[in-house]
Amino acid sequence: MPPKEVRPAATVERLLRRRFGPARRVERLAADASVRQFWRIERTAGGTAVACVDARGGTVALDRMQAACRLLRSIGVPVAEILDRDDRIPALLLEDLGDWLLADALRAQTDAERRTLYAEAGRIAGRIARLGTPEVKVEHPLAWPMLATERLRVELAFFAVHDVAGRRGVHDEGLLRALAGLSDAIVGHATAHPLALAHRDFHARNLLVRPGPALGVVDYQDALLAPVYYDLASLVRDPYVVPDAALAAEAERAFAGEAGGAVPDQDPLFAWVALQRDLKAIGTYAFQALRLGRERFTQYIPAAERLALRAAREIGGDAGRDAEALLLRIGFADDRRSAPA
């Protein structure tokens, strides 16, 4: 079935009630940075579920999400189970894991609980990479698209177009050529190693705290093969919630213990992947603000700038110094004193 146009919210609510009801209440959850809609359905018979509506992606997107769900659950990743499907809306009905985001829960946790949760998140990211990657054969639905050379270039171009030229109004040809050179370097380093399965958006707003405490993983429909460390960089270099050094170290050690290999801060590849991830995030925030009118996303750009500068400094050498100097020329705030440790 081809993708549909996005319907008005009242129409979607009516369709969800008709298909997945009877329901006492159907409410739309807060919009994220995608075009998908998420709705909580409180059933008349008791219990709740969450509907993921993907009008743009259509049944192709639903097929891919079901494949991701099956794979991730098979390797022990705590993702929401798919309960039902309707291709006409089109929507999937998901197990409701609650709405206590890790991003919100941190303020209510003790230091020990926060460390436990970030260690668990690191282990989950490592498990996806170690156990999920061998399952993605050529014919698997998650084998394509990959976050490899072409798509990485597109994401970095998104940053150049929507943030550098669009939001900042920078059109200096020399600077833009230098940015293209930095993009080439980022892509070259990030793709110099075999790709690994990644959740794709693994951060504190897509992790739910459950009793235990334990974590549940949501928004996994874009899982794909990506540069090594992609999920870990998304978690510990997260502009939404920048973890302190102790929490980041817990996650990194747990990731290395689960996935195998060196602790990420000992591998230069991590800094290159982190730099790509945060430049991509800035481009997304700028697009959301300029093209979709979601100004609230601009509040996360300063943190992403600091994280990108940090990654450039960690790259070191001439490449790192050149990257840092370029980002400062673009207008990134050089605020080391308030940058996360």
C-alpha atoms as a PDB file:
ATOM      1  CA  MET A   1       0.000   0.000   0.000  1.00  0.00           C
ATOM      2  CA  PRO A   2       1.512   3.383  -0.963  1.00  0.00           C
ATOM      3  CA  PRO A   3       2.179   6.062   1.647  1.00  0.00           C
ATOM      4  CA  LYS A   4      -0.777   8.253   2.560  1.00  0.00           C
ATOM      5  CA  GLU A   5      -0.992  11.950   3.205  1.00  0.00           C
ATOM      6  CA  VAL A   6      -0.950  12.894   6.868  1.00  0.00           C
ATOM      7  CA  ARG A   7      -4.541  13.083   8.074  1.00  0.00           C
ATOM      8  CA  PRO A   8      -5.956  15.667  10.508  1.00  0.00           C
ATOM      9  CA  ALA A   9      -5.620  14.626  14.155  1.00  0.00           C
ATOM     10  CA  ALA A  10      -9.394  14.338  14.619  1.00  0.00           C
ATOM     11  CA  THR A  11      -9.600  11.887  11.714  1.00  0.00           C
ATOM     12  CA  VAL A  12      -6.735   9.776  13.064  1.00  0.00           C
ATOM     13  CA  GLU A  13      -8.364   9.671  16.499  1.00  0.00           C
ATOM     14  CA  ARG A  14     -11.645   8.504  14.999  1.00  0.00           C
ATOM     15  CA  LEU A  15      -9.913   5.776  12.981  1.00  0.00           C
ATOM     16  CA  LEU A  16      -7.967   4.556  16.003  1.00  0.00           C
ATOM     17  CA  ARG A  17     -11.123   4.379  18.122  1.00  0.00           C
ATOM     18  CA  ARG A  18     -12.923   2.427  15.429  1.00  0.00           C
ATOM     19  CA  ARG A  19     -10.078  -0.032  14.796  1.00  0.00           C
ATOM     20  CA  PHE A  20      -8.477  -0.534  18.210  1.00  0.00           C
ATOM     21  CA  GLY A  21     -11.396   0.353  20.528  1.00  0.00           C
ATOM     22  CA  PRO A  22     -13.678   0.473  22.300  1.00  0.00           C
ATOM     23  CA  ALA A  23     -11.717   3.107  24.171  1.00  0.00           C
ATOM     24  CA  ARG A  24     -12.429   5.488  27.033  1.00  0.00           C
ATOM     25  CA  ARG A  25      -9.800   7.889  25.820  1.00  0.00           C
ATOM     26  CA  VAL A  26      -7.470   8.373  22.860  1.00  0.00           C
ATOM     27  CA  GLU A  27      -4.829  11.071  23.245  1.00  0.00           C
ATOM     28  CA  ARG A  28      -1.943  12.127  21.040  1.00  0.00           C
ATOM     29  CA  LEU A  29       1.445  12.014  22.699  1.00  0.00           C
ATOM     30  CA  ALA A  30       3.949  14.836  22.357  1.00  0.00           C
ATOM     31  CA  ALA A  31       5.383  15.155  18.863  1.00  0.00           C
ATOM     32  CA  ASP A  32       9.022  14.186  18.344  1.00  0.00           C
ATOM     33  CA  ALA A  33      11.393  15.130  15.529  1.00  0.00           C
ATOM     34  CA  SER A  34       9.727  12.782  13.027  1.00  0.00           C
ATOM     35  CA  VAL A  35       6.501  12.856  11.013  1.00  0.00           C
ATOM     36  CA  ARG A  36       5.110   9.809  12.812  1.00  0.00           C
ATOM     37  CA  GLN A  37       2.307  10.191  15.319  1.00  0.00           C
ATOM     38  CA  PHE A  38       2.013   8.327  18.601  1.00  0.00           C
ATOM     39  CA  TRP A  39      -1.308   7.949  20.429  1.00  0.00           C
ATOM     40  CA  ARG A  40      -2.133   6.385  23.789  1.00  0.00           C
ATOM     41  CA  ILE A  41      -5.348   4.376  23.803  1.00  0.00           C
ATOM     42  CA  GLU A  42      -7.083   3.769  27.128  1.00  0.00           C
ATOM     43  CA  ARG A  43      -9.302   0.796  26.530  1.00  0.00           C
ATOM     44  CA  THR A  44     -12.795   0.518  27.956  1.00  0.00           C
ATOM     45  CA  ALA A  45     -12.068  -3.046  29.071  1.00  0.00           C
ATOM     46  CA  GLY A  46      -8.956  -1.855  30.927  1.00  0.00           C
ATOM     47  CA  GLY A  47      -5.306  -1.327  30.125  1.00  0.00           C
ATOM     48  CA  THR A  48      -3.556   0.951  27.673  1.00  0.00           C
ATOM     49  CA  ALA A  49      -1.650   0.595  24.427  1.00  0.00           C
ATOM     50  CA  VAL A  50       0.222   2.981  22.134  1.00  0.00           C
ATOM     51  CA  ALA A  51      -0.531   3.352  18.426  1.00  0.00           C
ATOM     52  CA  CYS A  52       2.267   4.364  16.054  1.00  0.00           C
ATOM     53  CA  VAL A  53       0.758   6.000  12.965  1.00  0.00           C
ATOM     54  CA  ASP A  54       3.058   6.313   9.945  1.00  0.00           C
ATOM     55  CA  ALA A  55       1.026   7.768   7.086  1.00  0.00           C
ATOM     56  CA  ARG A  56       4.087   8.848   5.112  1.00  0.00           C
ATOM     57  CA  GLY A  57       5.924   5.546   5.431  1.00  0.00           C
ATOM     58  CA  GLY A  58       2.865   3.391   4.779  1.00  0.00           C
ATOM     59  CA  THR A  59       2.932  -0.386   4.971  1.00  0.00           C
ATOM     60  CA  VAL A  60       6.613  -0.506   3.965  1.00  0.00           C
ATOM     61  CA  ALA A  61       7.459   1.330   7.199  1.00  0.00           C
ATOM     62  CA  LEU A  62       5.173  -0.966   9.205  1.00  0.00           C
ATOM     63  CA  ASP A  63       6.884  -4.043   7.731  1.00  0.00           C
ATOM     64  CA  ARG A  64      10.279  -2.648   8.678  1.00  0.00           C
ATOM     65  CA  MET A  65       9.199  -1.840  12.218  1.00  0.00           C
ATOM     66  CA  GLN A  66       7.834  -5.347  12.680  1.00  0.00           C
ATOM     67  CA  ALA A  67      11.118  -6.791  11.449  1.00  0.00           C
ATOM     68  CA  ALA A  68      13.052  -4.574  13.873  1.00  0.00           C
ATOM     69  CA  CYS A  69      10.772  -5.614  16.730  1.00  0.00           C
ATOM     70  CA  ARG A  70      11.234  -9.322  16.014  1.00  0.00           C
ATOM     71  CA  LEU A  71      15.003  -9.033  15.749  1.00  0.00           C
ATOM     72  CA  LEU A  72      15.495  -6.877  18.839  1.00  0.00           C
ATOM     73  CA  ARG A  73      13.210  -9.002  21.015  1.00  0.00           C
ATOM     74  CA  SER A  74      14.986 -12.158  19.817  1.00  0.00           C
ATOM     75  CA  ILE A  75      18.303 -10.875  21.205  1.00  0.00           C
ATOM     76  CA  GLY A  76      16.838  -9.741  24.520  1.00  0.00           C
ATOM     77  CA  VAL A  77      16.412  -6.024  23.890  1.00  0.00           C
ATOM     78  CA  PRO A  78      13.414  -4.751  25.911  1.00  0.00           C
ATOM     79  CA  VAL A  79      11.369  -3.154  23.125  1.00  0.00           C
ATOM     80  CA  ALA A  80       7.610  -2.717  23.092  1.00  0.00           C
ATOM     81  CA  GLU A  81       5.777  -5.740  21.704  1.00  0.00           C
ATOM     82  CA  ILE A  82       3.582  -5.217  18.639  1.00  0.00           C
ATOM     83  CA  LEU A  83       0.001  -6.178  19.508  1.00  0.00           C
ATOM     84  CA  ASP A  84      -1.936  -5.421  16.324  1.00  0.00           C
ATOM     85  CA  ARG A  85      -1.668  -3.797  12.903  1.00  0.00           C
ATOM     86  CA  ASP A  86      -3.924  -1.901  10.532  1.00  0.00           C
ATOM     87  CA  ASP A  87      -2.694  -1.126   7.023  1.00  0.00           C
ATOM     88  CA  ARG A  88      -5.510   1.264   6.179  1.00  0.00           C
ATOM     89  CA  ILE A  89      -4.639   3.881   8.811  1.00  0.00           C
ATOM     90  CA  PRO A  90      -1.669   2.745   8.639  1.00  0.00           C
ATOM     91  CA  ALA A  91      -0.703   1.978  12.250  1.00  0.00           C
ATOM     92  CA  LEU A  92       0.834  -0.508  14.624  1.00  0.00           C
ATOM     93  CA  LEU A  93      -0.552  -1.053  18.110  1.00  0.00           C
ATOM     94  CA  LEU A  94       2.252  -1.385  20.648  1.00  0.00           C
ATOM     95  CA  GLU A  95       2.624  -2.487  24.216  1.00  0.00           C
ATOM     96  CA  ASP A  96       2.548   0.572  26.475  1.00  0.00           C
ATOM     97  CA  LEU A  97       5.849   0.801  28.367  1.00  0.00           C
ATOM     98  CA  GLY A  98       4.759   3.950  30.201  1.00  0.00           C
ATOM     99  CA  ASP A  99       5.928   7.504  29.777  1.00  0.00           C
ATOM    100  CA  TRP A 100       8.649   8.007  32.398  1.00  0.00           C
ATOM    101  CA  LEU A 101      11.492   8.960  30.090  1.00  0.00           C
ATOM    102  CA  LEU A 102      15.044   8.468  31.279  1.00  0.00           C
ATOM    103  CA  ALA A 103      15.512  12.154  30.461  1.00  0.00           C
ATOM    104  CA  ASP A 104      12.882  13.040  33.071  1.00  0.00           C
ATOM    105  CA  ALA A 105      13.607  10.285  35.572  1.00  0.00           C
ATOM    106  CA  LEU A 106      17.214  11.300  36.198  1.00  0.00           C
ATOM    107  CA  ARG A 107      16.197  14.167  38.466  1.00  0.00           C
ATOM    108  CA  ALA A 108      14.354  11.781  40.787  1.00  0.00           C
ATOM    109  CA  GLN A 109      17.076   9.103  40.916  1.00  0.00           C
ATOM    110  CA  THR A 110      19.945   8.667  43.336  1.00  0.00           C
ATOM    111  CA  ASP A 111      23.499   8.713  41.977  1.00  0.00           C
ATOM    112  CA  ALA A 112      23.627   4.930  42.261  1.00  0.00           C
ATOM    113  CA  GLU A 113      20.352   4.531  40.373  1.00  0.00           C
ATOM    114  CA  ARG A 114      21.503   6.865  37.612  1.00  0.00           C
ATOM    115  CA  ARG A 115      24.735   4.900  37.220  1.00  0.00           C
ATOM    116  CA  THR A 116      22.760   1.656  37.090  1.00  0.00           C
ATOM    117  CA  LEU A 117      20.459   2.991  34.388  1.00  0.00           C
ATOM    118  CA  TYR A 118      23.273   4.354  32.209  1.00  0.00           C
ATOM    119  CA  ALA A 119      25.206   1.113  32.573  1.00  0.00           C
ATOM    120  CA  GLU A 120      22.089  -0.773  31.485  1.00  0.00           C
ATOM    121  CA  ALA A 121      21.671   1.556  28.517  1.00  0.00           C
ATOM    122  CA  GLY A 122      25.279   0.958  27.513  1.00  0.00           C
ATOM    123  CA  ARG A 123      24.771  -2.808  27.737  1.00  0.00           C
ATOM    124  CA  ILE A 124      21.642  -2.613  25.572  1.00  0.00           C
ATOM    125  CA  ALA A 125      23.521  -0.620  22.914  1.00  0.00           C
ATOM    126  CA  GLY A 126      26.359  -3.134  23.032  1.00  0.00           C
ATOM    127  CA  ARG A 127      23.939  -6.050  22.748  1.00  0.00           C
ATOM    128  CA  ILE A 128      22.277  -4.548  19.678  1.00  0.00           C
ATOM    129  CA  ALA A 129      25.689  -4.220  18.021  1.00  0.00           C
ATOM    130  CA  ARG A 130      27.108  -7.612  19.067  1.00  0.00           C
ATOM    131  CA  LEU A 131      24.087  -9.893  18.698  1.00  0.00           C
ATOM    132  CA  GLY A 132      22.005  -7.942  16.211  1.00  0.00           C
ATOM    133  CA  THR A 133      24.613  -7.394  13.518  1.00  0.00           C
ATOM    134  CA  PRO A 134      25.075 -11.083  12.563  1.00  0.00           C
ATOM    135  CA  GLU A 135      21.298 -11.393  12.107  1.00  0.00           C
ATOM    136  CA  VAL A 136      21.133  -8.729   9.402  1.00  0.00           C
ATOM    137  CA  LYS A 137      21.894 -10.776   6.310  1.00  0.00           C
ATOM    138  CA  VAL A 138      21.610  -9.361   2.799  1.00  0.00           C
ATOM    139  CA  GLU A 139      17.949 -10.364   2.505  1.00  0.00           C
ATOM    140  CA  HIS A 140      16.928  -9.051   5.940  1.00  0.00           C
ATOM    141  CA  PRO A 141      14.529  -6.039   5.929  1.00  0.00           C
ATOM    142  CA  LEU A 142      16.989  -4.049   8.045  1.00  0.00           C
ATOM    143  CA  ALA A 143      19.879  -4.597   5.624  1.00  0.00           C
ATOM    144  CA  TRP A 144      18.869  -1.554   3.591  1.00  0.00           C
ATOM    145  CA  PRO A 145      19.133   1.393   3.789  1.00  0.00           C
ATOM    146  CA  MET A 146      22.438   1.531   5.630  1.00  0.00           C
ATOM    147  CA  LEU A 147      23.897   4.555   7.367  1.00  0.00           C
ATOM    148  CA  ALA A 148      26.980   4.365   5.169  1.00  0.00           C
ATOM    149  CA  THR A 149      28.801   6.738   2.829  1.00  0.00           C
ATOM    150  CA  GLU A 150      25.864   8.105   0.839  1.00  0.00           C
ATOM    151  CA  ARG A 151      23.489   8.598   3.741  1.00  0.00           C
ATOM    152  CA  LEU A 152      26.159  10.054   6.022  1.00  0.00           C
ATOM    153  CA  ARG A 153      26.917  12.630   3.312  1.00  0.00           C
ATOM    154  CA  VAL A 154      23.219  13.477   3.045  1.00  0.00           C
ATOM    155  CA  GLU A 155      22.987  14.028   6.805  1.00  0.00           C
ATOM    156  CA  LEU A 156      26.024  16.297   6.849  1.00  0.00           C
ATOM    157  CA  ALA A 157      24.626  18.205   3.870  1.00  0.00           C
ATOM    158  CA  PHE A 158      21.446  18.622   5.908  1.00  0.00           C
ATOM    159  CA  PHE A 159      23.557  20.393   8.529  1.00  0.00           C
ATOM    160  CA  ALA A 160      25.184  22.609   5.898  1.00  0.00           C
ATOM    161  CA  VAL A 161      21.899  23.546   4.219  1.00  0.00           C
ATOM    162  CA  HIS A 162      19.508  23.960   7.134  1.00  0.00           C
ATOM    163  CA  ASP A 163      21.822  25.188   9.876  1.00  0.00           C
ATOM    164  CA  VAL A 164      24.937  26.752   8.367  1.00  0.00           C
ATOM    165  CA  ALA A 165      23.337  28.383   5.317  1.00  0.00           C
ATOM    166  CA  GLY A 166      19.717  28.404   6.481  1.00  0.00           C
ATOM    167  CA  ARG A 167      19.615  29.278  10.167  1.00  0.00           C
ATOM    168  CA  ARG A 168      22.964  31.075  10.423  1.00  0.00           C
ATOM    169  CA  GLY A 169      22.950  32.665   6.955  1.00  0.00           C
ATOM    170  CA  VAL A 170      26.569  31.663   6.252  1.00  0.00           C
ATOM    171  CA  HIS A 171      27.295  31.591   2.501  1.00  0.00           C
ATOM    172  CA  ASP A 172      31.066  32.113   2.381  1.00  0.00           C
ATOM    173  CA  GLU A 173      32.321  29.837  -0.405  1.00  0.00           C
ATOM    174  CA  GLY A 174      35.670  29.166   1.236  1.00  0.00           C
ATOM    175  CA  LEU A 175      34.032  28.165   4.497  1.00  0.00           C
ATOM    176  CA  LEU A 176      31.527  25.915   2.726  1.00  0.00           C
ATOM    177  CA  ARG A 177      34.365  24.216   0.812  1.00  0.00           C
ATOM    178  CA  ALA A 178      36.158  23.623   4.100  1.00  0.00           C
ATOM    179  CA  LEU A 179      32.958  22.178   5.554  1.00  0.00           C
ATOM    180  CA  ALA A 180      32.695  19.822   2.567  1.00  0.00           C
ATOM    181  CA  GLY A 181      36.253  18.722   3.294  1.00  0.00           C
ATOM    182  CA  LEU A 182      35.403  18.083   6.942  1.00  0.00           C
ATOM    183  CA  SER A 183      32.361  16.078   5.837  1.00  0.00           C
ATOM    184  CA  ASP A 184      34.613  13.955   3.603  1.00  0.00           C
ATOM    185  CA  ALA A 185      36.935  13.276   6.537  1.00  0.00           C
ATOM    186  CA  ILE A 186      34.076  12.353   8.874  1.00  0.00           C
ATOM    187  CA  VAL A 187      32.559   9.954   6.347  1.00  0.00           C
ATOM    188  CA  GLY A 188      35.935   8.426   5.541  1.00  0.00           C
ATOM    189  CA  HIS A 189      36.736   7.653   9.166  1.00  0.00           C
ATOM    190  CA  ALA A 190      33.205   6.543  10.112  1.00  0.00           C
ATOM    191  CA  THR A 191      33.012   4.038   7.255  1.00  0.00           C
ATOM    192  CA  ALA A 192      36.565   2.695   7.525  1.00  0.00           C
ATOM    193  CA  HIS A 193      35.310  -0.133   9.742  1.00  0.00           C
ATOM    194  CA  PRO A 194      32.509  -2.672   9.267  1.00  0.00           C
ATOM    195  CA  LEU A 195      29.057  -1.341  10.137  1.00  0.00           C
ATOM    196  CA  ALA A 196      27.068  -2.608  13.118  1.00  0.00           C
ATOM    197  CA  LEU A 197      23.356  -2.751  13.862  1.00  0.00           C
ATOM    198  CA  ALA A 198      22.138   0.377  15.648  1.00  0.00           C
ATOM    199  CA  HIS A 199      18.827   1.549  17.097  1.00  0.00           C
ATOM    200  CA  ARG A 200      19.527   4.807  15.227  1.00  0.00           C
ATOM    201  CA  ASP A 201      18.147   7.240  17.848  1.00  0.00           C
ATOM    202  CA  PHE A 202      19.356   5.774  21.120  1.00  0.00           C
ATOM    203  CA  HIS A 203      19.122   8.557  23.700  1.00  0.00           C
ATOM    204  CA  ALA A 204      17.461   9.476  26.979  1.00  0.00           C
ATOM    205  CA  ARG A 205      14.160  10.484  25.357  1.00  0.00           C
ATOM    206  CA  ASN A 206      13.756   7.068  23.729  1.00  0.00           C
ATOM    207  CA  LEU A 207      14.496   5.068  26.877  1.00  0.00           C
ATOM    208  CA  LEU A 208      11.733   4.524  29.425  1.00  0.00           C
ATOM    209  CA  VAL A 209      12.378   3.783  33.091  1.00  0.00           C
ATOM    210  CA  ARG A 210      10.398   0.830  34.367  1.00  0.00           C
ATOM    211  CA  PRO A 211      10.172  -0.832  37.798  1.00  0.00           C
ATOM    212  CA  GLY A 212      13.419  -2.378  38.960  1.00  0.00           C
ATOM    213  CA  PRO A 213      14.652   0.083  37.856  1.00  0.00           C
ATOM    214  CA  ALA A 214      15.002  -1.229  34.324  1.00  0.00           C
ATOM    215  CA  LEU A 215      14.795   0.284  30.876  1.00  0.00           C
ATOM    216  CA  GLY A 216      12.385  -0.112  27.981  1.00  0.00           C
ATOM    217  CA  VAL A 217      13.366   0.910  24.454  1.00  0.00           C
ATOM    218  CA  VAL A 218      11.002   2.769  22.107  1.00  0.00           C
ATOM    219  CA  ASP A 219      11.198   4.495  18.713  1.00  0.00           C
ATOM    220  CA  TYR A 220      13.210   1.611  17.285  1.00  0.00           C
ATOM    221  CA  GLN A 221      11.584   1.590  13.845  1.00  0.00           C
ATOM    222  CA  ASP A 222      14.634   3.128  12.136  1.00  0.00           C
ATOM    223  CA  ALA A 223      17.111   0.446  13.263  1.00  0.00           C
ATOM    224  CA  LEU A 224      19.792  -0.064  10.607  1.00  0.00           C
ATOM    225  CA  LEU A 225      23.448  -0.844   9.997  1.00  0.00           C
ATOM    226  CA  ALA A 226      25.515   2.180  11.029  1.00  0.00           C
ATOM    227  CA  PRO A 227      29.063   3.139  12.006  1.00  0.00           C
ATOM    228  CA  VAL A 228      30.439   1.401  15.072  1.00  0.00           C
ATOM    229  CA  TYR A 229      29.665   3.331  18.300  1.00  0.00           C
ATOM    230  CA  TYR A 230      26.700   5.123  16.702  1.00  0.00           C
ATOM    231  CA  ASP A 231      24.222   4.216  19.450  1.00  0.00           C
ATOM    232  CA  LEU A 232      26.751   4.830  22.210  1.00  0.00           C
ATOM    233  CA  ALA A 233      27.570   8.272  20.788  1.00  0.00           C
ATOM    234  CA  SER A 234      23.839   9.009  20.635  1.00  0.00           C
ATOM    235  CA  LEU A 235      23.533   8.132  24.323  1.00  0.00           C
ATOM    236  CA  VAL A 236      26.578   9.746  25.928  1.00  0.00           C
ATOM    237  CA  ARG A 237      26.818  12.755  23.572  1.00  0.00           C
ATOM    238  CA  ASP A 238      23.090  13.513  23.729  1.00  0.00           C
ATOM    239  CA  PRO A 239      22.147  17.198  23.369  1.00  0.00           C
ATOM    240  CA  TYR A 240      18.769  16.546  25.016  1.00  0.00           C
ATOM    241  CA  VAL A 241      20.367  15.275  28.225  1.00  0.00           C
ATOM    242  CA  VAL A 242      24.155  15.486  28.431  1.00  0.00           C
ATOM    243  CA  PRO A 243      25.260  12.903  31.023  1.00  0.00           C
ATOM    244  CA  ASP A 244      28.057  13.842  33.363  1.00  0.00           C
ATOM    245  CA  ALA A 245      31.456  12.164  33.076  1.00  0.00           C
ATOM    246  CA  ALA A 246      30.640   9.454  35.628  1.00  0.00           C
ATOM    247  CA  LEU A 247      27.425   8.415  33.881  1.00  0.00           C
ATOM    248  CA  ALA A 248      29.061   8.462  30.452  1.00  0.00           C
ATOM    249  CA  ALA A 249      31.913   6.305  31.776  1.00  0.00           C
ATOM    250  CA  GLU A 250      29.427   3.774  33.183  1.00  0.00           C
ATOM    251  CA  ALA A 251      27.714   3.505  29.809  1.00  0.00           C
ATOM    252  CA  GLU A 252      30.994   3.250  27.907  1.00  0.00           C
ATOM    253  CA  ARG A 253      32.384   0.497  30.142  1.00  0.00           C
ATOM    254  CA  ALA A 254      29.137  -1.449  29.947  1.00  0.00           C
ATOM    255  CA  PHE A 255      29.049  -1.069  26.152  1.00  0.00           C
ATOM    256  CA  ALA A 256      32.631  -2.338  25.827  1.00  0.00           C
ATOM    257  CA  GLY A 257      31.914  -5.243  28.172  1.00  0.00           C
ATOM    258  CA  GLU A 258      28.880  -6.291  26.143  1.00  0.00           C
ATOM    259  CA  ALA A 259      30.087  -5.541  22.619  1.00  0.00           C
ATOM    260  CA  GLY A 260      33.742  -6.432  23.149  1.00  0.00           C
ATOM    261  CA  GLY A 261      36.713  -4.391  22.080  1.00  0.00           C
ATOM    262  CA  ALA A 262      38.340  -1.292  23.521  1.00  0.00           C
ATOM    263  CA  VAL A 263      36.667   1.208  25.804  1.00  0.00           C
ATOM    264  CA  PRO A 264      35.413   3.846  23.335  1.00  0.00           C
ATOM    265  CA  ASP A 265      37.478   6.730  24.690  1.00  0.00           C
ATOM    266  CA  GLN A 266      40.572   4.713  23.684  1.00  0.00           C
ATOM    267  CA  ASP A 267      39.416   4.396  20.075  1.00  0.00           C
ATOM    268  CA  PRO A 268      39.783   7.496  17.840  1.00  0.00           C
ATOM    269  CA  LEU A 269      36.819   6.315  15.753  1.00  0.00           C
ATOM    270  CA  PHE A 270      34.425   7.192  18.578  1.00  0.00           C
ATOM    271  CA  ALA A 271      35.187  10.927  18.340  1.00  0.00           C
ATOM    272  CA  TRP A 272      34.589  10.961  14.576  1.00  0.00           C
ATOM    273  CA  VAL A 273      31.248   9.168  14.981  1.00  0.00           C
ATOM    274  CA  ALA A 274      30.259  11.497  17.834  1.00  0.00           C
ATOM    275  CA  LEU A 275      31.096  14.532  15.693  1.00  0.00           C
ATOM    276  CA  GLN A 276      28.931  13.280  12.832  1.00  0.00           C
ATOM    277  CA  ARG A 277      26.063  12.497  15.186  1.00  0.00           C
ATOM    278  CA  ASP A 278      25.997  15.971  16.749  1.00  0.00           C
ATOM    279  CA  LEU A 279      26.356  17.848  13.459  1.00  0.00           C
ATOM    280  CA  LYS A 280      23.480  15.743  12.129  1.00  0.00           C
ATOM    281  CA  ALA A 281      21.452  16.608  15.248  1.00  0.00           C
ATOM    282  CA  ILE A 282      22.043  20.348  14.744  1.00  0.00           C
ATOM    283  CA  GLY A 283      20.865  20.040  11.144  1.00  0.00           C
ATOM    284  CA  THR A 284      17.714  18.256  12.308  1.00  0.00           C
ATOM    285  CA  TYR A 285      16.988  20.881  14.965  1.00  0.00           C
ATOM    286  CA  ALA A 286      17.436  23.682  12.429  1.00  0.00           C
ATOM    287  CA  PHE A 287      15.144  21.935   9.942  1.00  0.00           C
ATOM    288  CA  GLN A 288      12.482  21.409  12.596  1.00  0.00           C
ATOM    289  CA  ALA A 289      12.578  25.105  13.503  1.00  0.00           C
ATOM    290  CA  LEU A 290      12.860  26.658  10.024  1.00  0.00           C
ATOM    291  CA  ARG A 291      10.756  24.313   7.916  1.00  0.00           C
ATOM    292  CA  LEU A 292       8.237  22.893  10.392  1.00  0.00           C
ATOM    293  CA  GLY A 293       7.919  25.822  12.792  1.00  0.00           C
ATOM    294  CA  ARG A 294       9.018  23.784  15.829  1.00  0.00           C
ATOM    295  CA  GLU A 295      11.162  26.465  17.446  1.00  0.00           C
ATOM    296  CA  ARG A 296      11.520  24.477  20.657  1.00  0.00           C
ATOM    297  CA  PHE A 297      14.220  22.350  19.012  1.00  0.00           C
ATOM    298  CA  THR A 298      16.622  25.291  18.807  1.00  0.00           C
ATOM    299  CA  GLN A 299      17.114  25.142  22.588  1.00  0.00           C
ATOM    300  CA  TYR A 300      19.216  21.995  22.100  1.00  0.00           C
ATOM    301  CA  ILE A 301      21.609  23.508  19.555  1.00  0.00           C
ATOM    302  CA  PRO A 302      24.026  25.108  22.075  1.00  0.00           C
ATOM    303  CA  ALA A 303      24.577  21.756  23.823  1.00  0.00           C
ATOM    304  CA  ALA A 304      25.107  20.057  20.468  1.00  0.00           C
ATOM    305  CA  GLU A 305      27.640  22.732  19.502  1.00  0.00           C
ATOM    306  CA  ARG A 306      29.621  22.121  22.685  1.00  0.00           C
ATOM    307  CA  LEU A 307      29.535  18.375  22.108  1.00  0.00           C
ATOM    308  CA  ALA A 308      30.721  18.770  18.513  1.00  0.00           C
ATOM    309  CA  LEU A 309      33.607  20.998  19.627  1.00  0.00           C
ATOM    310  CA  ARG A 310      34.488  18.444  22.291  1.00  0.00           C
ATOM    311  CA  ALA A 311      34.602  15.686  19.668  1.00  0.00           C
ATOM    312  CA  ALA A 312      36.854  17.802  17.427  1.00  0.00           C
ATOM    313  CA  ARG A 313      39.263  18.322  20.324  1.00  0.00           C
ATOM    314  CA  GLU A 314      39.259  14.589  21.052  1.00  0.00           C
ATOM    315  CA  ILE A 315      40.153  13.828  17.428  1.00  0.00           C
ATOM    316  CA  GLY A 316      43.311  15.830  18.016  1.00  0.00           C
ATOM    317  CA  GLY A 317      46.199  16.443  15.661  1.00  0.00           C
ATOM    318  CA  ASP A 318      45.881  18.678  12.624  1.00  0.00           C
ATOM    319  CA  ALA A 319      42.517  17.141  11.683  1.00  0.00           C
ATOM    320  CA  GLY A 320      41.004  17.906  15.060  1.00  0.00           C
ATOM    321  CA  ARG A 321      42.430  21.415  15.232  1.00  0.00           C
ATOM    322  CA  ASP A 322      41.176  22.189  11.726  1.00  0.00           C
ATOM    323  CA  ALA A 323      37.713  20.840  12.579  1.00  0.00           C
ATOM    324  CA  GLU A 324      37.538  22.894  15.767  1.00  0.00           C
ATOM    325  CA  ALA A 325      38.666  26.061  13.998  1.00  0.00           C
ATOM    326  CA  LEU A 326      36.073  25.561  11.261  1.00  0.00           C
ATOM    327  CA  LEU A 327      33.223  25.036  13.724  1.00  0.00           C
ATOM    328  CA  LEU A 328      34.229  28.216  15.544  1.00  0.00           C
ATOM    329  CA  ARG A 329      34.243  30.119  12.218  1.00  0.00           C
ATOM    330  CA  ILE A 330      30.731  28.841  11.545  1.00  0.00           C
ATOM    331  CA  GLY A 331      29.665  30.370  14.835  1.00  0.00           C
ATOM    332  CA  PHE A 332      29.762  27.571  17.390  1.00  0.00           C
ATOM    333  CA  ALA A 333      30.038  28.948  20.917  1.00  0.00           C
ATOM    334  CA  ASP A 334      33.487  28.377  22.422  1.00  0.00           C
ATOM    335  CA  ASP A 335      32.239  27.801  25.939  1.00  0.00           C
ATOM    336  CA  ARG A 336      34.635  25.326  27.509  1.00  0.00           C
ATOM    337  CA  ARG A 337      33.833  26.470  31.012  1.00  0.00           C
ATOM    338  CA  SER A 338      30.231  25.251  30.803  1.00  0.00           C
ATOM    339  CA  ALA A 339      30.893  22.328  28.458  1.00  0.00           C
ATOM    340  CA  PRO A 340      30.122  18.907  29.944  1.00  0.00           C
ATOM    341  CA  ALA A 341      33.043  17.080  31.465  1.00  0.00           C
END
